[in-house]
């Protein structure tokens, strides 16, 4: 009998690609483009003044976010799925050929 538990590998891949995309957006080399756009979008707010006065802090936070998101995203995508081996269970060949009997794991035919 096979397990009906869904695999988490597809979700891990989706989240991995999402983190890579966000990491690309937070890359410090994009700050000359993204920071003025963010300041224009938030024009006249107190947060815009914070962005203008604390540029070094913004670069440091952006660098940490970029490295963290890229590292975790890459790890999530490149990680191999775990191989589930049911201990003591029988493997069935009756799906392929109903005339073949079930054989315990670890035994030769």
N, C-alpha and C. Protein backbone atom coordinates (compact mmCIF):
# COMPACT_ATOMS: atom_id res chain seq x y z
N UNK A 1 0.85 -1.17 0.00
CA UNK A 1 0.00 0.00 0.00
C UNK A 1 0.90 1.24 0.00
N UNK A 2 0.64 2.14 -0.91
CA UNK A 2 1.47 3.33 -1.03
C UNK A 2 0.91 4.47 -0.19
N UNK A 3 1.78 5.35 0.22
CA UNK A 3 1.38 6.50 1.02
C UNK A 3 0.65 7.51 0.15
N UNK A 4 -0.40 8.10 0.70
CA UNK A 4 -1.18 9.10 -0.02
C UNK A 4 -0.80 10.52 0.39
N UNK A 5 0.30 10.67 1.10
CA UNK A 5 0.75 11.99 1.54
C UNK A 5 1.31 12.73 0.33
N UNK A 6 0.81 13.96 0.06
CA UNK A 6 1.32 14.69 -1.10
C UNK A 6 2.76 15.14 -0.89
N UNK A 7 3.49 15.20 -1.99
CA UNK A 7 4.89 15.61 -1.93
C UNK A 7 4.97 17.12 -1.76
N UNK A 8 5.97 17.59 -1.00
CA UNK A 8 6.18 19.02 -0.80
C UNK A 8 7.17 19.58 -1.81
N UNK A 9 7.66 18.75 -2.72
CA UNK A 9 8.66 19.21 -3.68
C UNK A 9 8.13 20.29 -4.62
N UNK A 10 6.90 20.18 -5.18
CA UNK A 10 6.44 21.27 -6.06
C UNK A 10 6.31 22.60 -5.33
N UNK A 11 5.78 22.57 -4.10
CA UNK A 11 5.64 23.82 -3.35
C UNK A 11 7.00 24.40 -3.01
N UNK A 12 7.96 23.53 -2.70
CA UNK A 12 9.31 24.00 -2.39
C UNK A 12 9.91 24.67 -3.62
N UNK A 13 9.65 24.14 -4.81
CA UNK A 13 10.16 24.75 -6.03
C UNK A 13 9.53 26.09 -6.31
N UNK A 14 8.21 26.21 -6.08
CA UNK A 14 7.52 27.48 -6.31
C UNK A 14 8.05 28.55 -5.36
N UNK A 15 8.17 28.21 -4.08
CA UNK A 15 8.70 29.17 -3.11
C UNK A 15 10.16 29.50 -3.39
N UNK A 16 10.91 28.53 -3.87
CA UNK A 16 12.31 28.79 -4.20
C UNK A 16 12.43 29.80 -5.32
N UNK A 17 11.62 29.64 -6.36
CA UNK A 17 11.65 30.60 -7.47
C UNK A 17 11.13 31.97 -7.03
N UNK A 18 10.14 31.99 -6.15
CA UNK A 18 9.63 33.27 -5.64
C UNK A 18 10.71 34.00 -4.85
N UNK A 19 11.45 33.26 -4.02
CA UNK A 19 12.53 33.90 -3.26
C UNK A 19 13.65 34.38 -4.17
N UNK A 20 13.95 33.63 -5.23
CA UNK A 20 14.97 34.10 -6.18
C UNK A 20 14.52 35.38 -6.87
N UNK A 21 13.25 35.46 -7.23
CA UNK A 21 12.73 36.67 -7.86
C UNK A 21 12.77 37.87 -6.93
N UNK A 22 12.36 37.66 -5.68
CA UNK A 22 12.41 38.76 -4.71
C UNK A 22 13.85 39.15 -4.39
N UNK A 23 14.73 38.16 -4.34
CA UNK A 23 16.14 38.47 -4.12
C UNK A 23 16.70 39.32 -5.25
N UNK A 24 16.27 39.06 -6.47
CA UNK A 24 16.70 39.86 -7.61
C UNK A 24 16.22 41.29 -7.48
N UNK A 25 14.99 41.48 -6.99
CA UNK A 25 14.45 42.83 -6.81
C UNK A 25 15.22 43.58 -5.72
N UNK A 26 15.59 42.89 -4.63
CA UNK A 26 16.29 43.53 -3.52
C UNK A 26 17.80 43.64 -3.73
N UNK A 27 18.29 43.25 -4.89
CA UNK A 27 19.72 43.33 -5.16
C UNK A 27 20.19 44.78 -5.02
N UNK A 28 21.29 45.02 -4.31
CA UNK A 28 21.77 46.39 -4.11
C UNK A 28 22.15 47.11 -5.41
N UNK A 29 22.47 46.36 -6.45
CA UNK A 29 22.83 47.03 -7.71
C UNK A 29 21.60 47.64 -8.39
N UNK A 30 20.41 47.25 -7.96
CA UNK A 30 19.20 47.83 -8.53
C UNK A 30 18.70 49.05 -7.76
N UNK A 31 19.37 49.40 -6.67
CA UNK A 31 18.93 50.54 -5.86
C UNK A 31 18.90 51.87 -6.62
N UNK A 32 19.83 52.14 -7.54
CA UNK A 32 19.71 53.40 -8.28
C UNK A 32 18.41 53.49 -9.10
N UNK A 33 17.81 52.37 -9.41
CA UNK A 33 16.54 52.38 -10.15
C UNK A 33 15.36 52.27 -9.19
N UNK A 34 15.41 51.32 -8.26
CA UNK A 34 14.25 51.06 -7.41
C UNK A 34 14.05 52.10 -6.32
N UNK A 35 15.12 52.66 -5.78
CA UNK A 35 14.97 53.63 -4.70
C UNK A 35 14.29 54.92 -5.16
N UNK A 36 14.69 55.52 -6.29
CA UNK A 36 13.94 56.71 -6.75
C UNK A 36 12.49 56.39 -7.11
N UNK A 37 12.25 55.19 -7.66
CA UNK A 37 10.86 54.82 -7.96
C UNK A 37 10.04 54.69 -6.69
N UNK A 38 10.63 54.09 -5.66
CA UNK A 38 9.94 53.96 -4.38
C UNK A 38 9.72 55.33 -3.74
N UNK A 39 10.72 56.19 -3.83
CA UNK A 39 10.59 57.54 -3.27
C UNK A 39 9.52 58.34 -4.02
N UNK A 40 9.43 58.17 -5.34
CA UNK A 40 8.40 58.88 -6.11
C UNK A 40 7.01 58.34 -5.79
N UNK A 41 6.92 57.04 -5.60
CA UNK A 41 5.63 56.42 -5.29
C UNK A 41 5.14 56.84 -3.90
N UNK A 42 6.09 56.98 -2.96
CA UNK A 42 5.75 57.38 -1.60
C UNK A 42 6.00 58.86 -1.37
N UNK A 43 6.01 59.65 -2.42
CA UNK A 43 6.37 61.06 -2.33
C UNK A 43 5.61 61.83 -1.27
N UNK A 44 6.36 62.59 -0.46
CA UNK A 44 5.76 63.45 0.56
C UNK A 44 5.49 62.76 1.88
N UNK A 45 5.82 61.49 2.01
CA UNK A 45 5.57 60.80 3.28
C UNK A 45 6.83 60.84 4.15
N UNK A 46 6.65 60.46 5.39
CA UNK A 46 7.79 60.43 6.31
C UNK A 46 8.77 59.32 5.92
N UNK A 47 8.25 58.26 5.32
CA UNK A 47 9.14 57.16 4.91
C UNK A 47 10.09 57.61 3.81
N UNK A 48 9.66 58.51 2.94
CA UNK A 48 10.55 59.04 1.91
C UNK A 48 11.71 59.81 2.54
N UNK A 49 11.43 60.59 3.58
CA UNK A 49 12.50 61.28 4.29
C UNK A 49 13.46 60.30 4.95
N UNK A 50 12.92 59.19 5.48
CA UNK A 50 13.78 58.16 6.06
C UNK A 50 14.68 57.54 5.00
N UNK A 51 14.13 57.29 3.81
CA UNK A 51 14.93 56.72 2.72
C UNK A 51 16.06 57.66 2.31
N UNK A 52 15.76 58.95 2.27
CA UNK A 52 16.77 59.93 1.83
C UNK A 52 17.88 60.12 2.85
N UNK A 53 17.58 60.02 4.14
CA UNK A 53 18.59 60.28 5.16
C UNK A 53 19.38 59.03 5.56
N UNK A 54 18.86 57.85 5.35
CA UNK A 54 19.51 56.61 5.80
C UNK A 54 19.87 55.71 4.62
N UNK A 55 20.57 56.25 3.66
CA UNK A 55 20.91 55.47 2.47
C UNK A 55 21.83 54.29 2.79
N UNK A 56 22.79 54.47 3.69
CA UNK A 56 23.72 53.38 4.05
C UNK A 56 22.97 52.22 4.70
N UNK A 57 22.00 52.54 5.55
CA UNK A 57 21.19 51.50 6.18
C UNK A 57 20.35 50.76 5.14
N UNK A 58 19.81 51.49 4.18
CA UNK A 58 19.01 50.87 3.12
C UNK A 58 19.87 49.92 2.30
N UNK A 59 21.10 50.31 1.98
CA UNK A 59 22.01 49.46 1.23
C UNK A 59 22.36 48.20 2.03
N UNK A 60 22.61 48.36 3.32
CA UNK A 60 22.96 47.21 4.16
C UNK A 60 21.79 46.23 4.28
N UNK A 61 20.59 46.74 4.53
CA UNK A 61 19.41 45.87 4.64
C UNK A 61 19.13 45.20 3.29
N UNK A 62 19.26 45.94 2.21
CA UNK A 62 19.04 45.37 0.89
C UNK A 62 20.04 44.26 0.58
N UNK A 63 21.28 44.45 0.98
CA UNK A 63 22.31 43.43 0.74
C UNK A 63 22.02 42.16 1.54
N UNK A 64 21.63 42.32 2.80
CA UNK A 64 21.31 41.16 3.62
C UNK A 64 20.09 40.42 3.06
N UNK A 65 19.06 41.16 2.67
CA UNK A 65 17.87 40.54 2.07
C UNK A 65 18.22 39.82 0.77
N UNK A 66 19.03 40.46 -0.05
CA UNK A 66 19.43 39.86 -1.32
C UNK A 66 20.17 38.54 -1.10
N UNK A 67 21.17 38.56 -0.24
CA UNK A 67 21.96 37.34 -0.01
C UNK A 67 21.12 36.25 0.64
N UNK A 68 20.29 36.62 1.60
CA UNK A 68 19.45 35.63 2.27
C UNK A 68 18.43 35.00 1.33
N UNK A 69 17.73 35.83 0.57
CA UNK A 69 16.71 35.30 -0.34
C UNK A 69 17.32 34.47 -1.46
N UNK A 70 18.43 34.91 -2.00
CA UNK A 70 19.07 34.15 -3.07
C UNK A 70 19.60 32.82 -2.54
N UNK A 71 20.21 32.84 -1.36
CA UNK A 71 20.74 31.60 -0.78
C UNK A 71 19.65 30.60 -0.45
N UNK A 72 18.61 31.04 0.21
CA UNK A 72 17.52 30.12 0.58
C UNK A 72 16.77 29.67 -0.65
N UNK A 73 16.53 30.57 -1.60
CA UNK A 73 15.84 30.18 -2.84
C UNK A 73 16.63 29.15 -3.63
N UNK A 74 17.93 29.36 -3.74
CA UNK A 74 18.77 28.39 -4.46
C UNK A 74 18.79 27.04 -3.75
N UNK A 75 18.85 27.07 -2.42
CA UNK A 75 18.84 25.84 -1.63
C UNK A 75 17.51 25.10 -1.82
N UNK A 76 16.41 25.83 -1.85
CA UNK A 76 15.10 25.19 -2.01
C UNK A 76 14.95 24.56 -3.39
N UNK A 77 15.51 25.19 -4.40
CA UNK A 77 15.37 24.64 -5.75
C UNK A 77 16.31 23.46 -5.97
N UNK A 78 17.53 23.57 -5.48
CA UNK A 78 18.52 22.53 -5.78
C UNK A 78 18.46 21.34 -4.83
N UNK A 79 17.68 21.43 -3.78
CA UNK A 79 17.59 20.35 -2.81
C UNK A 79 16.88 19.14 -3.42
N UNK A 80 17.48 17.98 -3.24
CA UNK A 80 16.89 16.76 -3.77
C UNK A 80 15.73 16.31 -2.89
N UNK A 81 14.66 15.82 -3.49
CA UNK A 81 13.55 15.33 -2.67
C UNK A 81 13.97 14.08 -1.90
N UNK A 82 13.43 13.94 -0.71
CA UNK A 82 13.75 12.79 0.12
C UNK A 82 13.16 11.53 -0.49
N UNK A 83 13.90 10.47 -0.41
CA UNK A 83 13.45 9.18 -0.94
C UNK A 83 12.79 8.41 0.20
N UNK A 84 11.52 8.14 0.04
CA UNK A 84 10.80 7.42 1.07
C UNK A 84 10.91 5.92 0.81
N UNK A 85 11.44 5.19 1.78
CA UNK A 85 11.54 3.74 1.67
C UNK A 85 10.74 3.15 2.82
N UNK A 86 9.60 2.56 2.52
CA UNK A 86 8.79 1.99 3.59
C UNK A 86 9.44 0.72 4.13
N UNK A 87 9.86 0.74 5.38
CA UNK A 87 10.54 -0.39 5.98
C UNK A 87 9.55 -1.53 6.24
N UNK A 88 9.91 -2.74 5.81
CA UNK A 88 9.10 -3.91 6.07
C UNK A 88 7.88 -4.06 5.19
N UNK A 89 7.67 -3.16 4.27
CA UNK A 89 6.50 -3.26 3.40
C UNK A 89 6.85 -4.07 2.16
N UNK A 90 5.84 -4.53 1.49
CA UNK A 90 6.03 -5.31 0.28
C UNK A 90 5.92 -4.41 -0.93
N UNK A 91 6.75 -4.65 -1.90
CA UNK A 91 6.62 -3.92 -3.15
C UNK A 91 5.78 -4.76 -4.09
N UNK A 92 4.91 -4.14 -4.76
CA UNK A 92 3.98 -4.87 -5.59
C UNK A 92 4.34 -4.72 -7.05
N UNK A 93 4.39 -5.84 -7.73
CA UNK A 93 4.59 -5.82 -9.17
C UNK A 93 3.29 -6.18 -9.87
N UNK A 94 2.24 -6.34 -9.10
CA UNK A 94 0.98 -6.73 -9.70
C UNK A 94 0.38 -5.62 -10.55
N UNK A 95 0.89 -4.39 -10.39
CA UNK A 95 0.40 -3.30 -11.23
C UNK A 95 0.85 -3.51 -12.66
N UNK A 96 2.09 -3.94 -12.84
CA UNK A 96 2.61 -4.17 -14.18
C UNK A 96 2.10 -5.50 -14.74
N UNK A 97 2.22 -6.53 -13.94
CA UNK A 97 1.80 -7.86 -14.38
C UNK A 97 1.12 -8.56 -13.20
N UNK A 98 -0.17 -8.82 -13.27
CA UNK A 98 -0.88 -9.42 -12.14
C UNK A 98 -0.44 -10.84 -11.81
N UNK A 99 0.30 -11.50 -12.69
CA UNK A 99 0.73 -12.88 -12.43
C UNK A 99 1.98 -12.95 -11.56
N UNK A 100 2.67 -11.82 -11.38
CA UNK A 100 3.90 -11.80 -10.58
C UNK A 100 3.51 -11.56 -9.13
N UNK A 101 4.09 -12.35 -8.22
CA UNK A 101 3.77 -12.23 -6.79
C UNK A 101 4.52 -11.05 -6.16
N UNK A 102 4.10 -10.67 -4.96
CA UNK A 102 4.75 -9.59 -4.23
C UNK A 102 6.03 -10.09 -3.59
N UNK A 103 7.07 -9.25 -3.61
CA UNK A 103 8.38 -9.62 -3.11
C UNK A 103 8.76 -8.67 -1.99
N UNK A 104 9.23 -9.16 -0.83
CA UNK A 104 9.68 -8.25 0.23
C UNK A 104 10.91 -7.47 -0.22
N UNK A 105 11.07 -6.25 0.34
CA UNK A 105 12.23 -5.42 0.03
C UNK A 105 13.51 -6.11 0.49
N UNK A 106 14.56 -5.96 -0.27
CA UNK A 106 15.85 -6.47 0.11
C UNK A 106 16.07 -7.93 -0.25
N UNK A 107 15.14 -8.56 -0.96
CA UNK A 107 15.32 -9.97 -1.33
C UNK A 107 15.48 -10.05 -2.84
N UNK A 108 16.15 -11.07 -3.26
CA UNK A 108 16.33 -11.30 -4.69
C UNK A 108 15.14 -12.10 -5.20
N UNK A 109 14.95 -12.07 -6.48
CA UNK A 109 13.80 -12.78 -7.05
C UNK A 109 14.04 -14.23 -7.11
